[in-house]
Amino acid sequence: MFLRAMERSDLDELLVVHEEGAVLGLAAVFPQSEYPFPRETIRERWAVEIEDPAGSTPSTAGSLPGAASARRTRLSR
């Protein structure tokens, strides 16, 4: 598997992966009927992470099965 830095052009695909995982994994805590996935808020957060030169946002090349965001002292996603 080859890792590369994410780009803004990855946001649409990244949001699909993030939403699917969050909705499935957190359904018991945040039912979609009461707490719909905050798509625009999450998009904005990822955009900031991707643009931040102090961080790292690796992803796999090709299709996007997942991604992460890291700083020197923390892994945030």
Protein backbone atom coordinates (compact mmCIF):
# COMPACT_ATOMS: atom_id res chain seq x y z
CA MET A 1 0.00 0.00 0.00
CA PHE A 2 1.30 3.42 -0.95
CA LEU A 3 0.51 6.46 1.21
CA ARG A 4 0.27 9.99 -0.08
CA ALA A 5 -0.84 13.36 1.29
CA MET A 6 -4.53 14.10 0.85
CA GLU A 7 -5.62 16.97 -1.35
CA ARG A 8 -8.78 19.07 -1.42
CA SER A 9 -9.88 17.02 -4.42
CA ASP A 10 -10.14 14.03 -2.04
CA LEU A 11 -12.81 15.69 0.11
CA ASP A 12 -15.90 14.28 -1.62
CA GLU A 13 -14.65 10.70 -1.48
CA LEU A 14 -13.31 11.19 2.04
CA LEU A 15 -16.69 12.43 3.27
CA VAL A 16 -18.41 9.33 1.92
CA VAL A 17 -15.96 7.07 3.79
CA HIS A 18 -16.15 9.17 6.96
CA GLU A 19 -19.95 9.36 6.94
CA GLU A 20 -20.43 5.64 6.30
CA GLY A 21 -18.11 4.74 9.18
CA ALA A 22 -19.54 7.31 11.58
CA VAL A 23 -23.19 6.48 10.87
CA LEU A 24 -22.60 2.74 11.19
CA GLY A 25 -20.23 2.88 14.15
CA LEU A 26 -22.11 5.48 16.18
CA ALA A 27 -25.72 4.61 15.34
CA ALA A 28 -26.54 3.57 18.91
CA VAL A 29 -25.24 6.87 20.27
CA PHE A 30 -26.28 9.27 17.50
CA PRO A 31 -29.37 7.96 15.67
CA GLN A 32 -29.62 9.63 12.27
CA SER A 33 -33.26 10.55 12.85
CA GLU A 34 -32.20 12.78 15.76
CA TYR A 35 -28.57 13.59 14.93
CA PRO A 36 -27.97 13.64 11.18
CA PHE A 37 -24.35 13.43 10.09
CA PRO A 38 -22.92 17.01 10.10
CA ARG A 39 -21.55 16.77 6.57
CA GLU A 40 -20.60 20.44 6.05
CA THR A 41 -19.00 20.76 9.49
CA ILE A 42 -16.91 17.65 8.88
CA ARG A 43 -16.00 18.87 5.36
CA GLU A 44 -14.74 22.15 6.84
CA ARG A 45 -12.69 20.35 9.52
CA TRP A 46 -11.05 18.07 6.95
CA ALA A 47 -10.34 21.01 4.64
CA VAL A 48 -8.51 22.78 7.47
CA GLU A 49 -6.56 19.61 8.32
CA ILE A 50 -5.57 19.08 4.68
CA GLU A 51 -4.38 22.68 4.25
CA ASP A 52 -2.43 22.84 7.54
CA PRO A 53 1.31 22.58 6.77
CA ALA A 54 2.04 21.66 10.39
CA GLY A 55 0.13 18.42 10.09
CA SER A 56 0.07 15.29 8.05
CA THR A 57 -2.98 13.84 6.30
CA PRO A 58 -1.93 10.54 4.75
CA SER A 59 -4.23 8.51 2.58
CA THR A 60 -3.85 5.50 0.35
CA ALA A 61 -3.28 6.06 -3.33
CA GLY A 62 -6.15 5.27 -5.65
CA SER A 63 -9.53 4.77 -4.03
CA LEU A 64 -9.81 6.11 -0.52
CA PRO A 65 -10.54 3.34 2.00
CA GLY A 66 -9.51 5.61 4.86
CA ALA A 67 -7.44 8.55 6.01
CA ALA A 68 -5.83 10.04 9.09
CA SER A 69 -4.76 13.41 10.38
CA ALA A 70 -1.75 13.77 12.66
CA ARG A 71 0.18 16.48 14.44
CA ARG A 72 3.41 16.12 16.41
CA THR A 73 1.57 15.23 19.61
CA ARG A 74 -1.74 13.72 18.50
CA LEU A 75 -3.59 11.59 16.00
CA SER A 76 -6.95 13.26 15.46
CA ARG A 77 -8.76 10.98 12.99
